Amino acid sequence: MKVLIDCEFSGIVRAAFRKLGHDAWSCDLLPAEDGSPYHIVGDAIKAAYEGRTWEDGRLSAEPWDLMICHPPCTHLAVSGARYFAAKRADGRQQEAIEFVRKLLDAPIEKIALEQPISIISSVIRKPDQIIQPWMFGHGETKATCLWLKNLPKLIPTNIVDGRDDRIHKMPPGPDRWKKRSTTYQGIANAMAEQWGKMC
């Protein structure tokens, strides 16, 4: 299966799919943190719509079978609601909403879009599923919404004790946004194992 993990620089979800034999690529404006050659540094919308992958040392246009996208939540997550008035006034929030719409409307048969609790629920549509890390082997809380197109809901793989809100309590710092946006390994594995069978 040809898989695009859009707006991912960590490589966690991409690696989970590649481990199972899929032709998976990540795309982000940032380079891949894991140094993988299976990463496109570039525009997420262009990658989604043009089906760009790397083959034989050159980019070629081929359609994706599945896209999992993690668009930035900075202007959309309700955790930052106190800043919404300013973000609406200067257009940042509308720009973020349009970015999400374009990803959801991409010409790809199967799509999953991931975000924390956000205004996407009220301005586009409600999510198809809300998952937590503790459903997939991580004893933490971090409500994650999934908007799905032609994909089933994820089935929990390892419900564990512990409901620590580590992400919420994370202290300020230059890498806080990266740590907060990283996909949990158990969730990445579930995506690859469950959705990867749908080719």
N, C-alpha and C. Protein backbone atom coordinates (compact mmCIF):
# COMPACT_ATOMS: atom_id res chain seq x y z
N MET A 1 0.84 -1.18 0.00
CA MET A 1 0.00 0.00 0.00
C MET A 1 0.89 1.25 0.00
N LYS A 2 0.52 2.24 -0.79
CA LYS A 2 1.24 3.51 -0.82
C LYS A 2 0.61 4.44 0.22
N VAL A 3 1.40 4.83 1.20
CA VAL A 3 0.89 5.57 2.36
C VAL A 3 1.63 6.88 2.52
N LEU A 4 0.88 7.95 2.70
CA LEU A 4 1.45 9.26 2.99
C LEU A 4 1.11 9.63 4.43
N ILE A 5 2.12 9.91 5.22
CA ILE A 5 1.93 10.43 6.57
C ILE A 5 2.25 11.92 6.48
N ASP A 6 1.23 12.71 6.33
CA ASP A 6 1.40 14.14 6.06
C ASP A 6 1.52 14.93 7.36
N CYS A 7 2.37 15.93 7.33
CA CYS A 7 2.66 16.79 8.49
C CYS A 7 3.28 15.96 9.61
N GLU A 8 4.21 15.10 9.26
CA GLU A 8 4.94 14.31 10.26
C GLU A 8 6.43 14.44 10.01
N PHE A 9 7.17 14.87 11.04
CA PHE A 9 8.62 14.93 10.93
C PHE A 9 9.30 13.92 11.84
N SER A 10 8.54 13.35 12.81
CA SER A 10 9.13 12.38 13.74
C SER A 10 9.41 11.04 13.06
N GLY A 11 8.58 10.67 12.09
CA GLY A 11 8.76 9.39 11.40
C GLY A 11 8.14 8.20 12.12
N ILE A 12 7.48 8.42 13.24
CA ILE A 12 6.96 7.31 14.04
C ILE A 12 5.88 6.54 13.30
N VAL A 13 4.91 7.22 12.72
CA VAL A 13 3.83 6.53 12.02
C VAL A 13 4.36 5.93 10.71
N ARG A 14 5.18 6.70 10.00
CA ARG A 14 5.77 6.19 8.76
C ARG A 14 6.54 4.90 9.00
N ALA A 15 7.37 4.90 10.05
CA ALA A 15 8.18 3.72 10.36
C ALA A 15 7.31 2.52 10.71
N ALA A 16 6.19 2.75 11.40
CA ALA A 16 5.30 1.64 11.75
C ALA A 16 4.73 0.98 10.50
N PHE A 17 4.38 1.78 9.49
CA PHE A 17 3.86 1.23 8.24
C PHE A 17 4.97 0.54 7.45
N ARG A 18 6.15 1.15 7.38
CA ARG A 18 7.26 0.54 6.63
C ARG A 18 7.69 -0.78 7.24
N LYS A 19 7.62 -0.88 8.56
CA LYS A 19 7.98 -2.12 9.25
C LYS A 19 7.10 -3.28 8.80
N LEU A 20 5.87 -2.96 8.39
CA LEU A 20 4.94 -3.99 7.92
C LEU A 20 4.97 -4.15 6.40
N GLY A 21 5.94 -3.51 5.74
CA GLY A 21 6.14 -3.71 4.31
C GLY A 21 5.44 -2.73 3.39
N HIS A 22 4.86 -1.68 3.93
CA HIS A 22 4.16 -0.71 3.09
C HIS A 22 5.13 0.33 2.53
N ASP A 23 4.78 0.89 1.38
CA ASP A 23 5.57 1.96 0.76
C ASP A 23 5.11 3.27 1.39
N ALA A 24 5.59 3.52 2.59
CA ALA A 24 5.14 4.67 3.37
C ALA A 24 6.16 5.80 3.36
N TRP A 25 5.64 7.02 3.24
CA TRP A 25 6.45 8.24 3.21
C TRP A 25 5.87 9.25 4.16
N SER A 26 6.71 10.03 4.77
CA SER A 26 6.25 11.16 5.57
C SER A 26 6.54 12.44 4.80
N CYS A 27 5.83 13.50 5.15
CA CYS A 27 6.05 14.80 4.51
C CYS A 27 5.86 15.89 5.55
N ASP A 28 6.77 16.85 5.54
CA ASP A 28 6.67 17.98 6.45
C ASP A 28 7.59 19.08 5.93
N LEU A 29 7.39 20.29 6.42
CA LEU A 29 8.31 21.37 6.08
C LEU A 29 9.66 21.19 6.77
N LEU A 30 9.66 20.43 7.87
CA LEU A 30 10.89 20.12 8.59
C LEU A 30 11.50 18.82 8.07
N PRO A 31 12.80 18.64 8.16
CA PRO A 31 13.41 17.36 7.78
C PRO A 31 13.02 16.27 8.78
N ALA A 32 13.17 15.04 8.37
CA ALA A 32 12.83 13.90 9.24
C ALA A 32 13.77 13.84 10.42
N GLU A 33 13.22 13.73 11.61
CA GLU A 33 14.05 13.65 12.82
C GLU A 33 14.88 12.37 12.84
N ASP A 34 14.35 11.31 12.23
CA ASP A 34 15.08 10.04 12.26
C ASP A 34 16.04 9.90 11.08
N GLY A 35 16.16 10.93 10.25
CA GLY A 35 17.09 10.90 9.12
C GLY A 35 16.69 9.98 7.99
N SER A 36 15.45 9.52 7.99
CA SER A 36 15.00 8.57 6.97
C SER A 36 15.01 9.18 5.57
N PRO A 37 15.38 8.38 4.55
CA PRO A 37 15.28 8.85 3.18
C PRO A 37 13.84 8.82 2.67
N TYR A 38 12.93 8.22 3.44
CA TYR A 38 11.53 8.10 3.02
C TYR A 38 10.71 9.27 3.56
N HIS A 39 11.24 10.44 3.32
CA HIS A 39 10.62 11.66 3.83
C HIS A 39 10.71 12.75 2.77
N ILE A 40 9.62 13.45 2.57
CA ILE A 40 9.56 14.55 1.62
C ILE A 40 9.57 15.86 2.41
N VAL A 41 10.57 16.69 2.21
CA VAL A 41 10.59 18.01 2.82
C VAL A 41 9.87 18.93 1.84
N GLY A 42 8.67 19.32 2.22
CA GLY A 42 7.92 20.15 1.29
C GLY A 42 6.49 20.38 1.76
N ASP A 43 5.68 20.87 0.84
CA ASP A 43 4.32 21.29 1.11
C ASP A 43 3.39 20.08 1.26
N ALA A 44 2.67 20.02 2.37
CA ALA A 44 1.78 18.89 2.67
C ALA A 44 0.63 18.79 1.68
N ILE A 45 0.07 19.92 1.26
CA ILE A 45 -1.05 19.90 0.33
C ILE A 45 -0.58 19.41 -1.04
N LYS A 46 0.57 19.88 -1.47
CA LYS A 46 1.12 19.45 -2.75
C LYS A 46 1.37 17.94 -2.74
N ALA A 47 1.93 17.44 -1.66
CA ALA A 47 2.20 15.99 -1.56
C ALA A 47 0.90 15.20 -1.61
N ALA A 48 -0.14 15.69 -0.92
CA ALA A 48 -1.43 14.99 -0.89
C ALA A 48 -2.11 14.98 -2.25
N TYR A 49 -2.06 16.11 -2.95
CA TYR A 49 -2.80 16.23 -4.20
C TYR A 49 -2.03 15.70 -5.41
N GLU A 50 -0.72 15.76 -5.37
CA GLU A 50 0.07 15.33 -6.52
C GLU A 50 0.62 13.92 -6.36
N GLY A 51 0.44 13.32 -5.19
CA GLY A 51 0.89 11.95 -4.99
C GLY A 51 2.37 11.78 -5.21
N ARG A 52 3.17 12.64 -4.64
CA ARG A 52 4.60 12.62 -4.93
C ARG A 52 5.33 11.65 -4.03
N THR A 53 6.12 10.79 -4.63
CA THR A 53 6.99 9.88 -3.90
C THR A 53 8.37 9.91 -4.52
N TRP A 54 9.31 9.29 -3.86
CA TRP A 54 10.69 9.28 -4.34
C TRP A 54 11.02 7.91 -4.91
N GLU A 55 11.39 7.86 -6.19
CA GLU A 55 11.73 6.58 -6.82
C GLU A 55 12.92 6.77 -7.75
N ASP A 56 13.88 5.88 -7.65
CA ASP A 56 15.05 5.89 -8.53
C ASP A 56 15.73 7.25 -8.58
N GLY A 57 15.79 7.93 -7.44
CA GLY A 57 16.49 9.20 -7.38
C GLY A 57 15.73 10.37 -7.97
N ARG A 58 14.44 10.21 -8.23
CA ARG A 58 13.66 11.31 -8.78
C ARG A 58 12.25 11.27 -8.22
N LEU A 59 11.59 12.40 -8.21
CA LEU A 59 10.20 12.44 -7.74
C LEU A 59 9.28 12.00 -8.86
N SER A 60 8.29 11.18 -8.53
CA SER A 60 7.32 10.75 -9.53
C SER A 60 5.93 10.89 -8.96
N ALA A 61 4.97 11.18 -9.81
CA ALA A 61 3.59 11.38 -9.37
C ALA A 61 2.83 10.06 -9.44
N GLU A 62 2.46 9.53 -8.30
CA GLU A 62 1.63 8.34 -8.21
C GLU A 62 0.63 8.56 -7.09
N PRO A 63 -0.60 8.08 -7.24
CA PRO A 63 -1.60 8.32 -6.20
C PRO A 63 -1.30 7.53 -4.92
N TRP A 64 -1.72 8.08 -3.81
CA TRP A 64 -1.61 7.40 -2.53
C TRP A 64 -2.85 6.54 -2.31
N ASP A 65 -2.70 5.44 -1.59
CA ASP A 65 -3.84 4.62 -1.19
C ASP A 65 -4.42 5.10 0.13
N LEU A 66 -3.57 5.62 0.98
CA LEU A 66 -3.96 6.03 2.32
C LEU A 66 -3.14 7.25 2.74
N MET A 67 -3.82 8.21 3.37
CA MET A 67 -3.10 9.34 3.96
C MET A 67 -3.54 9.49 5.41
N ILE A 68 -2.56 9.59 6.29
CA ILE A 68 -2.80 9.92 7.69
C ILE A 68 -2.15 11.28 7.90
N CYS A 69 -2.93 12.28 8.29
CA CYS A 69 -2.37 13.62 8.41
C CYS A 69 -2.52 14.18 9.82
N HIS A 70 -1.51 14.91 10.20
CA HIS A 70 -1.40 15.51 11.53
C HIS A 70 -1.20 17.02 11.38
N PRO A 71 -2.20 17.75 10.87
CA PRO A 71 -1.99 19.19 10.66
C PRO A 71 -1.73 19.92 11.98
N PRO A 72 -0.98 21.02 11.91
CA PRO A 72 -0.69 21.78 13.14
C PRO A 72 -1.99 22.20 13.83
N CYS A 73 -2.00 22.10 15.15
CA CYS A 73 -3.22 22.42 15.92
C CYS A 73 -3.14 23.78 16.61
N THR A 74 -2.05 24.50 16.41
CA THR A 74 -1.79 25.74 17.14
C THR A 74 -2.97 26.72 17.13
N HIS A 75 -3.64 26.86 16.00
CA HIS A 75 -4.72 27.84 15.89
C HIS A 75 -6.11 27.22 15.99
N LEU A 76 -6.15 25.89 16.26
CA LEU A 76 -7.43 25.18 16.26
C LEU A 76 -7.80 24.53 17.58
N ALA A 77 -6.82 24.08 18.36
CA ALA A 77 -7.07 23.34 19.59
C ALA A 77 -7.76 24.21 20.63
N VAL A 78 -8.77 23.65 21.28
CA VAL A 78 -9.51 24.43 22.27
C VAL A 78 -8.68 24.74 23.51
N SER A 79 -7.56 24.05 23.67
CA SER A 79 -6.67 24.37 24.78
C SER A 79 -6.12 25.79 24.66
N GLY A 80 -6.15 26.35 23.46
CA GLY A 80 -5.69 27.72 23.24
C GLY A 80 -6.82 28.69 22.96
N ALA A 81 -8.02 28.37 23.45
CA ALA A 81 -9.20 29.18 23.14
C ALA A 81 -9.06 30.64 23.55
N ARG A 82 -8.27 30.92 24.57
CA ARG A 82 -8.14 32.31 25.02
C ARG A 82 -7.49 33.19 23.96
N TYR A 83 -6.85 32.59 22.96
CA TYR A 83 -6.21 33.36 21.89
C TYR A 83 -7.04 33.39 20.60
N PHE A 84 -8.21 32.74 20.61
CA PHE A 84 -9.00 32.62 19.38
C PHE A 84 -9.41 33.96 18.80
N ALA A 85 -9.78 34.92 19.61
CA ALA A 85 -10.24 36.22 19.09
C ALA A 85 -9.15 36.87 18.24
N ALA A 86 -7.93 36.87 18.73
CA ALA A 86 -6.81 37.46 17.98
C ALA A 86 -6.52 36.65 16.71
N LYS A 87 -6.63 35.34 16.81
CA LYS A 87 -6.33 34.48 15.65
C LYS A 87 -7.42 34.57 14.58
N ARG A 88 -8.65 34.82 15.01
CA ARG A 88 -9.72 35.06 14.02
C ARG A 88 -9.51 36.41 13.35
N ALA A 89 -9.15 37.40 14.16
CA ALA A 89 -9.00 38.77 13.65
C ALA A 89 -7.90 38.87 12.60
N ASP A 90 -6.80 38.18 12.80
CA ASP A 90 -5.69 38.32 11.83
C ASP A 90 -5.68 37.22 10.76
N GLY A 91 -6.68 36.34 10.78
CA GLY A 91 -6.82 35.35 9.71
C GLY A 91 -6.10 34.03 9.93
N ARG A 92 -5.32 33.92 11.01
CA ARG A 92 -4.57 32.68 11.23
C ARG A 92 -5.48 31.47 11.41
N GLN A 93 -6.59 31.67 12.14
CA GLN A 93 -7.48 30.54 12.38
C GLN A 93 -8.18 30.09 11.10
N GLN A 94 -8.63 31.04 10.29
CA GLN A 94 -9.30 30.68 9.03
C GLN A 94 -8.33 29.96 8.09
N GLU A 95 -7.11 30.40 8.06
CA GLU A 95 -6.10 29.76 7.23
C GLU A 95 -5.87 28.30 7.68
N ALA A 96 -5.85 28.09 9.00
CA ALA A 96 -5.67 26.74 9.53
C ALA A 96 -6.87 25.85 9.20
N ILE A 97 -8.07 26.42 9.26
CA ILE A 97 -9.28 25.66 8.92
C ILE A 97 -9.26 25.27 7.45
N GLU A 98 -8.88 26.19 6.58
CA GLU A 98 -8.82 25.88 5.15
C GLU A 98 -7.77 24.82 4.84
N PHE A 99 -6.68 24.82 5.58
CA PHE A 99 -5.64 23.80 5.42
C PHE A 99 -6.21 22.43 5.74
N VAL A 100 -6.97 22.34 6.83
CA VAL A 100 -7.60 21.08 7.22
C VAL A 100 -8.61 20.64 6.16
N ARG A 101 -9.42 21.58 5.66
CA ARG A 101 -10.41 21.24 4.62
C ARG A 101 -9.73 20.65 3.38
N LYS A 102 -8.62 21.26 2.98
CA LYS A 102 -7.91 20.77 1.79
C LYS A 102 -7.38 19.36 2.02
N LEU A 103 -6.87 19.09 3.21
CA LEU A 103 -6.39 17.75 3.51
C LEU A 103 -7.53 16.74 3.47
N LEU A 104 -8.66 17.07 4.08
CA LEU A 104 -9.80 16.16 4.09
C LEU A 104 -10.39 15.95 2.70
N ASP A 105 -10.24 16.94 1.82
CA ASP A 105 -10.77 16.85 0.46
C ASP A 105 -9.78 16.28 -0.55
N ALA A 106 -8.61 15.87 -0.10
CA ALA A 106 -7.58 15.34 -1.02
C ALA A 106 -8.12 14.13 -1.79
N PRO A 107 -7.67 13.96 -3.03
CA PRO A 107 -8.15 12.85 -3.88
C PRO A 107 -7.49 11.53 -3.51
N ILE A 108 -7.68 11.11 -2.28
CA ILE A 108 -7.10 9.87 -1.76
C ILE A 108 -8.25 9.05 -1.20
N GLU A 109 -8.28 7.77 -1.52
CA GLU A 109 -9.42 6.93 -1.15
C GLU A 109 -9.63 6.82 0.36
N LYS A 110 -8.55 6.67 1.11
CA LYS A 110 -8.66 6.48 2.55
C LYS A 110 -7.86 7.58 3.26
N ILE A 111 -8.53 8.27 4.18
CA ILE A 111 -7.90 9.39 4.88
C ILE A 111 -8.23 9.32 6.37
N ALA A 112 -7.23 9.59 7.19
CA ALA A 112 -7.43 9.82 8.62
C ALA A 112 -6.75 11.13 8.97
N LEU A 113 -7.49 12.02 9.61
CA LEU A 113 -6.93 13.29 10.07
C LEU A 113 -6.99 13.29 11.58
N GLU A 114 -5.87 13.61 12.20
CA GLU A 114 -5.73 13.54 13.66
C GLU A 114 -5.52 14.94 14.23
N GLN A 115 -6.23 15.23 15.32
CA GLN A 115 -6.11 16.52 16.02
C GLN A 115 -6.54 16.34 17.46
N PRO A 116 -6.08 17.19 18.35
CA PRO A 116 -6.67 17.20 19.70
C PRO A 116 -8.08 17.77 19.61
N ILE A 117 -8.75 17.90 20.75
CA ILE A 117 -10.08 18.52 20.77
C ILE A 117 -9.92 19.92 20.18
N SER A 118 -10.70 20.20 19.12
CA SER A 118 -10.49 21.47 18.41
C SER A 118 -11.79 21.98 17.81
N ILE A 119 -11.70 23.15 17.19
CA ILE A 119 -12.89 23.75 16.58
C ILE A 119 -13.26 23.09 15.26
N ILE A 120 -12.47 22.15 14.79
CA ILE A 120 -12.84 21.40 13.59
C ILE A 120 -14.21 20.77 13.79
N SER A 121 -14.49 20.33 15.02
CA SER A 121 -15.76 19.69 15.34
C SER A 121 -16.96 20.59 15.06
N SER A 122 -16.80 21.89 15.22
CA SER A 122 -17.93 22.80 15.02
C SER A 122 -17.92 23.47 13.65
N VAL A 123 -16.75 23.67 13.04
CA VAL A 123 -16.72 24.38 11.75
C VAL A 123 -16.68 23.45 10.54
N ILE A 124 -16.28 22.21 10.73
CA ILE A 124 -16.27 21.25 9.61
C ILE A 124 -17.24 20.10 9.91
N ARG A 125 -16.90 19.25 10.86
CA ARG A 125 -17.81 18.20 11.33
C ARG A 125 -17.21 17.55 12.57
N LYS A 126 -18.05 16.83 13.27
CA LYS A 126 -17.59 16.14 14.47
C LYS A 126 -16.65 14.99 14.07
N PRO A 127 -15.71 14.62 14.94
CA PRO A 127 -14.80 13.52 14.62
C PRO A 127 -15.55 12.19 14.61
N ASP A 128 -14.99 11.22 13.92
CA ASP A 128 -15.57 9.88 13.89
C ASP A 128 -15.21 9.09 15.14
N GLN A 129 -14.10 9.46 15.78
CA GLN A 129 -13.63 8.72 16.94
C GLN A 129 -12.74 9.61 17.79
N ILE A 130 -12.76 9.37 19.09
CA ILE A 130 -11.82 10.01 20.01
C ILE A 130 -11.10 8.89 20.75
N ILE A 131 -9.78 8.90 20.66
CA ILE A 131 -8.98 7.85 21.30
C ILE A 131 -8.10 8.46 22.39
N GLN A 132 -7.56 7.60 23.24
CA GLN A 132 -6.66 8.00 24.31
C GLN A 132 -5.42 7.10 24.27
N PRO A 133 -4.26 7.60 24.67
CA PRO A 133 -3.05 6.77 24.70
C PRO A 133 -3.20 5.50 25.55
N TRP A 134 -3.98 5.58 26.66
CA TRP A 134 -4.12 4.42 27.53
C TRP A 134 -4.88 3.27 26.88
N MET A 135 -5.50 3.51 25.74
CA MET A 135 -6.15 2.44 24.98
C MET A 135 -5.14 1.63 24.16
N PHE A 136 -3.91 2.16 24.06
CA PHE A 136 -2.90 1.56 23.18
C PHE A 136 -1.57 1.36 23.90
N GLY A 137 -1.64 1.11 25.21
CA GLY A 137 -0.44 0.73 25.95
C GLY A 137 0.32 1.83 26.66
N HIS A 138 -0.19 3.07 26.64
CA HIS A 138 0.50 4.19 27.29
C HIS A 138 -0.40 4.73 28.39
N GLY A 139 0.04 4.69 29.64
CA GLY A 139 -0.79 5.10 30.77
C GLY A 139 -0.93 6.59 30.91
N GLU A 140 -1.39 7.24 29.88
CA GLU A 140 -1.53 8.70 29.88
C GLU A 140 -2.85 9.10 29.25
N THR A 141 -3.24 10.34 29.50
CA THR A 141 -4.42 10.90 28.86
C THR A 141 -3.99 11.96 27.85
N LYS A 142 -4.59 11.91 26.70
CA LYS A 142 -4.43 12.94 25.67
C LYS A 142 -5.50 12.65 24.62
N ALA A 143 -6.67 13.27 24.81
CA ALA A 143 -7.77 13.01 23.89
C ALA A 143 -7.36 13.38 22.47
N THR A 144 -7.47 12.43 21.57
CA THR A 144 -7.07 12.62 20.18
C THR A 144 -8.26 12.28 19.29
N CYS A 145 -8.68 13.25 18.49
CA CYS A 145 -9.82 13.07 17.59
C CYS A 145 -9.35 12.55 16.24
N LEU A 146 -10.15 11.68 15.65
CA LEU A 146 -9.86 11.16 14.32
C LEU A 146 -11.05 11.43 13.40
N TRP A 147 -10.79 12.08 12.29
CA TRP A 147 -11.76 12.25 11.22
C TRP A 147 -11.39 11.23 10.15
N LEU A 148 -12.32 10.34 9.82
CA LEU A 148 -12.00 9.20 8.96
C LEU A 148 -12.78 9.22 7.66
N LYS A 149 -12.12 8.81 6.59
CA LYS A 149 -12.76 8.64 5.28
C LYS A 149 -12.43 7.22 4.81
N ASN A 150 -13.45 6.38 4.67
CA ASN A 150 -13.30 5.00 4.21
C ASN A 150 -12.36 4.18 5.09
N LEU A 151 -12.32 4.49 6.37
CA LEU A 151 -11.51 3.75 7.33
C LEU A 151 -12.37 3.41 8.54
N PRO A 152 -12.15 2.24 9.15
CA PRO A 152 -12.89 1.91 10.37
C PRO A 152 -12.26 2.61 11.57
N LYS A 153 -13.01 2.67 12.64
CA LYS A 153 -12.47 3.20 13.89
C LYS A 153 -11.36 2.27 14.37
N LEU A 154 -10.36 2.86 15.03
CA LEU A 154 -9.29 2.04 15.61
C LEU A 154 -9.83 1.25 16.79
N ILE A 155 -9.42 -0.01 16.86
CA ILE A 155 -9.79 -0.87 17.97
C ILE A 155 -8.67 -0.79 19.00
N PRO A 156 -8.99 -0.50 20.27
CA PRO A 156 -7.94 -0.47 21.30
C PRO A 156 -7.15 -1.79 21.32
N THR A 157 -5.85 -1.68 21.49
CA THR A 157 -4.99 -2.87 21.43
C THR A 157 -4.43 -3.28 22.78
N ASN A 158 -4.36 -2.34 23.72
CA ASN A 158 -3.74 -2.66 25.01
C ASN A 158 -4.17 -1.64 26.04
N ILE A 159 -5.35 -1.85 26.63
CA ILE A 159 -5.86 -0.92 27.63
C ILE A 159 -5.07 -1.11 28.92
N VAL A 160 -4.48 -0.03 29.39
CA VAL A 160 -3.62 -0.09 30.58
C VAL A 160 -4.11 0.85 31.66
N ASP A 161 -3.66 0.60 32.89
CA ASP A 161 -3.96 1.48 34.01
C ASP A 161 -3.12 2.75 33.89
N GLY A 162 -3.50 3.71 34.68
CA GLY A 162 -2.75 4.96 34.67
C GLY A 162 -3.45 5.99 33.81
N ARG A 163 -3.66 7.13 34.35
CA ARG A 163 -4.31 8.20 33.60
C ARG A 163 -3.57 9.50 33.84
N ASP A 164 -2.26 9.48 33.64
CA ASP A 164 -1.42 10.65 33.87
C ASP A 164 -1.60 11.65 32.73
N ASP A 165 -1.76 12.91 33.05
CA ASP A 165 -1.89 13.94 32.00
C ASP A 165 -0.54 14.63 31.79
N ARG A 166 0.47 13.83 31.50
CA ARG A 166 1.85 14.32 31.32
C ARG A 166 1.93 15.43 30.28
N ILE A 167 1.22 15.27 29.17
CA ILE A 167 1.28 16.26 28.09
C ILE A 167 0.79 17.62 28.59
N HIS A 168 -0.32 17.61 29.33
CA HIS A 168 -0.89 18.86 29.84
C HIS A 168 0.06 19.53 30.83
N LYS A 169 0.77 18.72 31.62
CA LYS A 169 1.64 19.25 32.66
C LYS A 169 3.07 19.54 32.16
N MET A 170 3.32 19.32 30.90
CA MET A 170 4.67 19.51 30.37
C MET A 170 5.10 20.98 30.55
N PRO A 171 6.29 21.21 31.12
CA PRO A 171 6.73 22.59 31.34
C PRO A 171 7.07 23.30 30.03
N PRO A 172 7.01 24.62 30.02
CA PRO A 172 7.38 25.37 28.82
C PRO A 172 8.84 25.10 28.44
N GLY A 173 9.10 25.21 27.16
CA GLY A 173 10.46 25.00 26.67
C GLY A 173 10.47 25.06 25.16
N PRO A 174 11.64 25.17 24.55
CA PRO A 174 11.73 25.32 23.10
C PRO A 174 11.23 24.11 22.31
N ASP A 175 11.29 22.92 22.91
CA ASP A 175 10.85 21.71 22.20
C ASP A 175 9.49 21.21 22.68
N ARG A 176 8.80 22.00 23.48
CA ARG A 176 7.52 21.55 24.03
C ARG A 176 6.53 21.20 22.93
N TRP A 177 6.45 22.02 21.90
CA TRP A 177 5.49 21.78 20.82
C TRP A 177 5.79 20.46 20.10
N LYS A 178 7.08 20.14 19.95
CA LYS A 178 7.44 18.88 19.29
C LYS A 178 7.02 17.69 20.14
N LYS A 179 7.31 17.76 21.41
CA LYS A 179 6.98 16.66 22.32
C LYS A 179 5.47 16.48 22.41
N ARG A 180 4.73 17.57 22.41
CA ARG A 180 3.27 17.50 22.52
C ARG A 180 2.63 16.95 21.25
N SER A 181 3.29 17.12 20.12
CA SER A 181 2.69 16.68 18.85
C SER A 181 3.11 15.28 18.41
N THR A 182 4.05 14.67 19.12
CA THR A 182 4.55 13.36 18.71
C THR A 182 3.50 12.27 18.96
N THR A 183 3.31 11.42 17.96
CA THR A 183 2.35 10.31 18.06
C THR A 183 2.91 9.21 18.96
N TYR A 184 2.06 8.69 19.82
CA TYR A 184 2.46 7.58 20.68
C TYR A 184 2.69 6.33 19.83
N GLN A 185 3.73 5.57 20.18
CA GLN A 185 4.09 4.38 19.40
C GLN A 185 2.95 3.37 19.32
N GLY A 186 2.23 3.17 20.42
CA GLY A 186 1.12 2.21 20.41
C GLY A 186 0.02 2.60 19.44
N ILE A 187 -0.25 3.90 19.32
CA ILE A 187 -1.26 4.38 18.36
C ILE A 187 -0.75 4.21 16.94
N ALA A 188 0.52 4.54 16.71
CA ALA A 188 1.11 4.37 15.37
C ALA A 188 1.06 2.90 14.95
N ASN A 189 1.39 2.00 15.87
CA ASN A 189 1.35 0.56 15.55
C ASN A 189 -0.07 0.10 15.21
N ALA A 190 -1.06 0.60 15.97
CA ALA A 190 -2.44 0.23 15.71
C ALA A 190 -2.89 0.72 14.34
N MET A 191 -2.51 1.94 13.98
CA MET A 191 -2.86 2.46 12.65
C MET A 191 -2.28 1.57 11.56
N ALA A 192 -1.00 1.23 11.70
CA ALA A 192 -0.33 0.41 10.67
C ALA A 192 -0.93 -0.99 10.60
N GLU A 193 -1.15 -1.59 11.75
CA GLU A 193 -1.66 -2.97 11.77
C GLU A 193 -3.10 -3.07 11.32
N GLN A 194 -3.94 -2.11 11.72
CA GLN A 194 -5.36 -2.19 11.40
C GLN A 194 -5.69 -1.58 10.03
N TRP A 195 -5.20 -0.39 9.77
CA TRP A 195 -5.52 0.25 8.49
C TRP A 195 -4.64 -0.26 7.36
N GLY A 196 -3.47 -0.78 7.70
CA GLY A 196 -2.58 -1.32 6.66
C GLY A 196 -3.10 -2.58 6.01
N LYS A 197 -4.07 -3.22 6.62
CA LYS A 197 -4.67 -4.44 6.04
C LYS A 197 -5.74 -4.13 5.01
N MET A 198 -6.03 -2.86 4.81
CA MET A 198 -7.17 -2.48 3.97
C MET A 198 -6.79 -2.15 2.53
N CYS A 199 -5.73 -2.76 2.00
CA CYS A 199 -5.35 -2.46 0.62
C CYS A 199 -6.16 -3.26 -0.36
